[in-house]
Amino acid sequence: MKNLILLTTLLLSSLSTISGQNSQPAEPENLSEQFKFLLDNAETYSEYKVIKETRLNEFWRLLEDSVQQFKTDIATAQKIHSDQQTEIEFLQKSIKEKDDLLATTDFAMTHIRFLGVDFSKTSFIIINVILIGGLIALLALGSFQYNINRITARQKVLDYQQIEEEFNTLRSQSLEKQIKLKRELQTERNLIEDMRSRPTISKKMPA
């Protein structure tokens, strides 16, 4: 009977202890709340706070954990920042390469290389138009001059032919005159000879 009463008393005491522990509020995890909790649950002696060593050790552990977590967060943030900086530099380099490629492509589209010199296509077209126009003008001038020279040469040929015809006509006329003169001269000579021979014949006849 006494053992039953003692067992019942121990069970009730254990239940009350467990119930009292479960009824205590949960301890906060962050430093500011933990410090406030530590002060609120500390005993006061005169103007001092009496803090249990276990609670103080717990607070110190939490403080070290927080500092370590803070260091870890800083290291993580620094790594993230370094990674982001590396990515930014890579993106900037990629953008610069694309800008350079775009500039090169744009330059190639708007320029043309001729005889080792880069010309803008507009300037090249203008220069070609001027050169072609100049060549056409020179060809037109040369053709005009050629036509003039051809007409002049033809006229000179016609003039030469006319002069040659006139010369041939004059030569023929001159030959005819010479022949006529020779005939007339021969006739005169024959007449003179005939006249010279007649007196001789007259003198011989009377004898």
Protein backbone atom coordinates (compact mmCIF):
# COMPACT_ATOMS: atom_id res chain seq x y z
CA MET A 1 0.00 0.00 0.00
CA LYS A 2 2.79 2.41 0.86
CA ASN A 3 4.57 1.46 -2.38
CA LEU A 4 1.45 2.22 -4.40
CA ILE A 5 1.08 5.62 -2.78
CA LEU A 6 4.77 6.41 -3.39
CA LEU A 7 4.50 5.35 -7.05
CA THR A 8 1.42 7.49 -7.54
CA THR A 9 3.16 10.49 -5.97
CA LEU A 10 6.18 10.09 -8.26
CA LEU A 11 4.00 9.87 -11.38
CA LEU A 12 2.07 13.00 -10.41
CA SER A 13 5.31 14.85 -9.75
CA SER A 14 6.76 13.80 -13.11
CA LEU A 15 3.61 14.83 -14.94
CA SER A 16 3.59 18.22 -13.27
CA THR A 17 7.26 18.72 -14.15
CA ILE A 18 6.66 17.77 -17.80
CA SER A 19 3.60 19.99 -17.92
CA GLY A 20 5.60 22.88 -16.50
CA GLN A 21 8.36 22.39 -19.07
CA ASN A 22 5.88 22.24 -21.93
CA SER A 23 4.17 25.39 -20.74
CA GLN A 24 7.42 27.43 -20.92
CA PRO A 25 7.64 29.59 -24.02
CA ALA A 26 10.07 28.53 -26.78
CA GLU A 27 13.39 30.32 -26.75
CA PRO A 28 13.94 32.75 -29.64
CA GLU A 29 16.69 32.09 -32.16
CA ASN A 30 17.93 35.55 -33.26
CA LEU A 31 20.42 37.47 -31.13
CA SER A 32 18.32 40.46 -30.19
CA GLU A 33 15.37 38.34 -29.06
CA GLN A 34 17.69 35.86 -27.34
CA PHE A 35 19.40 38.69 -25.44
CA LYS A 36 16.03 40.15 -24.42
CA PHE A 37 14.86 36.67 -23.40
CA LEU A 38 18.07 36.21 -21.41
CA LEU A 39 17.55 39.45 -19.52
CA ASP A 40 13.85 38.89 -18.94
CA ASN A 41 14.45 35.44 -17.47
CA ALA A 42 17.49 36.43 -15.37
CA GLU A 43 17.19 36.98 -11.64
CA THR A 44 17.80 40.43 -10.29
CA TYR A 45 20.21 41.00 -7.46
CA SER A 46 20.40 44.63 -6.36
CA GLU A 47 21.10 46.44 -9.62
CA TYR A 48 22.66 43.40 -11.30
CA LYS A 49 21.25 40.64 -13.39
CA VAL A 50 22.13 37.11 -12.38
CA ILE A 51 22.27 34.91 -15.49
CA LYS A 52 22.64 31.18 -15.41
CA GLU A 53 25.86 29.89 -16.86
CA THR A 54 24.04 27.45 -19.13
CA ARG A 55 21.91 30.23 -20.61
CA LEU A 56 25.02 32.42 -21.02
CA ASN A 57 26.86 29.56 -22.75
CA GLU A 58 23.84 29.02 -25.00
CA PHE A 59 23.76 32.69 -25.85
CA TRP A 60 27.52 32.61 -26.60
CA ARG A 61 27.05 29.56 -28.83
CA LEU A 62 24.27 31.33 -30.66
CA LEU A 63 26.49 34.41 -30.99
CA GLU A 64 29.35 32.36 -32.44
CA ASP A 65 26.96 30.59 -34.78
CA SER A 66 25.57 33.93 -35.88
CA VAL A 67 29.07 35.34 -36.45
CA GLN A 68 30.08 32.22 -38.38
CA GLN A 69 26.88 32.40 -40.42
CA PHE A 70 27.55 36.09 -41.01
CA LYS A 71 31.07 35.25 -42.25
CA THR A 72 29.67 32.48 -44.43
CA ASP A 73 27.04 34.86 -45.82
CA ILE A 74 29.73 37.47 -46.52
CA ALA A 75 31.92 34.87 -48.27
CA THR A 76 28.91 33.66 -50.26
CA ALA A 77 27.96 37.23 -51.15
CA GLN A 78 31.55 37.98 -52.18
CA LYS A 79 31.63 34.85 -54.33
CA ILE A 80 28.30 35.76 -55.88
CA HIS A 81 29.59 39.29 -56.48
CA SER A 82 32.81 37.90 -58.01
CA ASP A 83 30.82 35.52 -60.20
CA GLN A 84 28.51 38.31 -61.24
CA GLN A 85 31.50 40.59 -61.96
CA THR A 86 33.07 37.83 -64.06
CA GLU A 87 29.80 37.33 -65.89
CA ILE A 88 29.45 41.09 -66.40
CA GLU A 89 32.99 41.27 -67.82
CA PHE A 90 32.23 38.31 -70.07
CA LEU A 91 29.01 39.95 -71.25
CA GLN A 92 30.79 43.26 -71.81
CA LYS A 93 33.50 41.48 -73.81
CA SER A 94 30.84 39.62 -75.79
CA ILE A 95 28.95 42.86 -76.43
CA LYS A 96 32.19 44.57 -77.54
CA GLU A 97 32.99 41.70 -79.89
CA LYS A 98 29.48 41.86 -81.32
CA ASP A 99 29.74 45.65 -81.65
CA ASP A 100 33.10 45.25 -83.42
CA LEU A 101 31.63 42.58 -85.69
CA LEU A 102 28.62 44.78 -86.38
CA ALA A 103 30.90 47.75 -87.12
CA THR A 104 33.04 45.59 -89.42
CA THR A 105 29.94 44.26 -91.19
CA ASP A 106 28.50 47.76 -91.50
CA PHE A 107 31.84 49.05 -92.83
CA ALA A 108 32.01 46.18 -95.33
CA MET A 109 28.42 46.91 -96.44
CA THR A 110 29.03 50.65 -96.89
CA HIS A 111 32.59 50.54 -98.27
CA ILE A 112 34.45 48.92 -101.14
CA ARG A 113 38.18 48.25 -101.53
CA PHE A 114 39.74 49.30 -104.83
CA LEU A 115 43.48 49.25 -105.51
CA GLY A 116 44.14 48.77 -101.80
CA VAL A 117 42.12 51.85 -100.81
CA ASP A 118 38.79 51.79 -98.97
CA PHE A 119 36.10 53.97 -100.51
CA SER A 120 32.57 54.49 -99.34
CA LYS A 121 30.16 53.04 -101.87
CA THR A 122 28.56 56.43 -102.41
CA SER A 123 31.94 58.07 -103.10
CA PHE A 124 32.97 55.15 -105.31
CA ILE A 125 29.76 55.41 -107.34
CA ILE A 126 30.20 59.20 -107.70
CA ILE A 127 33.85 58.77 -108.78
CA ASN A 128 32.86 56.06 -111.29
CA VAL A 129 30.06 58.20 -112.68
CA ILE A 130 32.47 61.12 -113.08
CA LEU A 131 35.11 58.89 -114.72
CA ILE A 132 32.58 57.24 -117.03
CA GLY A 133 31.12 60.64 -117.90
CA GLY A 134 34.62 61.94 -118.62
CA LEU A 135 35.39 58.92 -120.81
CA ILE A 136 32.11 59.35 -122.68
CA ALA A 137 32.90 63.03 -123.17
CA LEU A 138 36.40 62.16 -124.43
CA LEU A 139 34.96 59.50 -126.75
CA ALA A 140 32.38 61.96 -128.03
CA LEU A 141 35.08 64.60 -128.54
CA GLY A 142 37.34 62.05 -130.23
CA SER A 143 34.48 60.86 -132.43
CA PHE A 144 33.64 64.45 -133.32
CA GLN A 145 37.28 65.17 -134.10
CA TYR A 146 37.53 61.93 -136.09
CA ASN A 147 34.49 62.88 -138.14
CA ILE A 148 35.96 66.32 -138.76
CA ASN A 149 39.29 64.78 -139.75
CA ARG A 150 37.54 62.24 -141.96
CA ILE A 151 35.52 64.96 -143.67
CA THR A 152 38.67 67.05 -144.05
CA ALA A 153 40.61 64.08 -145.43
CA ARG A 154 37.80 63.23 -147.83
CA GLN A 155 37.66 66.85 -148.95
CA LYS A 156 41.42 66.84 -149.45
CA VAL A 157 41.15 63.61 -151.45
CA LEU A 158 38.42 65.17 -153.58
CA ASP A 159 40.48 68.32 -153.97
CA TYR A 160 43.50 66.23 -154.93
CA GLN A 161 41.44 64.24 -157.42
CA GLN A 162 40.07 67.46 -158.85
CA ILE A 163 43.54 68.96 -159.05
CA GLU A 164 44.84 65.76 -160.63
CA GLU A 165 42.00 65.79 -163.15
CA GLU A 166 42.68 69.43 -163.93
CA PHE A 167 46.40 68.67 -164.22
CA ASN A 168 45.71 65.72 -166.51
CA THR A 169 43.39 67.91 -168.57
CA LEU A 170 46.00 70.66 -168.76
CA ARG A 171 48.70 68.13 -169.63
CA SER A 172 46.51 66.65 -172.34
CA GLN A 173 45.76 70.09 -173.66
CA SER A 174 49.43 70.96 -173.48
CA LEU A 175 50.39 67.78 -175.32
CA GLU A 176 47.79 68.50 -177.94
CA LYS A 177 49.10 72.04 -178.32
CA GLN A 178 52.65 70.75 -178.53
CA ILE A 179 51.64 68.20 -181.13
CA LYS A 180 49.72 70.86 -183.02
CA LEU A 181 52.63 73.25 -182.82
CA LYS A 182 55.02 70.54 -183.95
CA ARG A 183 52.73 69.77 -186.88
CA GLU A 184 52.44 73.43 -187.74
CA LEU A 185 56.18 73.85 -187.36
CA GLN A 186 56.79 70.80 -189.55
CA THR A 187 54.35 72.16 -192.11
CA GLU A 188 56.19 75.47 -192.09
CA ARG A 189 59.49 73.69 -192.45
CA ASN A 190 58.15 71.64 -195.27
CA LEU A 191 56.82 74.77 -196.95
CA ILE A 192 60.14 76.50 -196.58
CA GLU A 193 61.96 73.53 -197.96
CA ASP A 194 59.52 73.38 -200.78
CA MET A 195 60.02 77.04 -201.55
CA ARG A 196 63.75 76.61 -201.45
CA SER A 197 63.64 73.73 -203.84
CA ARG A 198 61.43 75.46 -206.45
CA PRO A 199 63.95 78.09 -207.80
CA THR A 200 66.51 75.39 -208.43
CA ILE A 201 64.09 73.47 -210.55
CA SER A 202 63.20 76.61 -212.59
CA LYS A 203 66.79 77.32 -213.40
CA LYS A 204 67.43 73.82 -214.64
CA MET A 205 64.46 73.72 -217.00
CA PRO A 206 65.64 76.36 -219.60
CA ALA A 207 68.91 74.64 -220.18
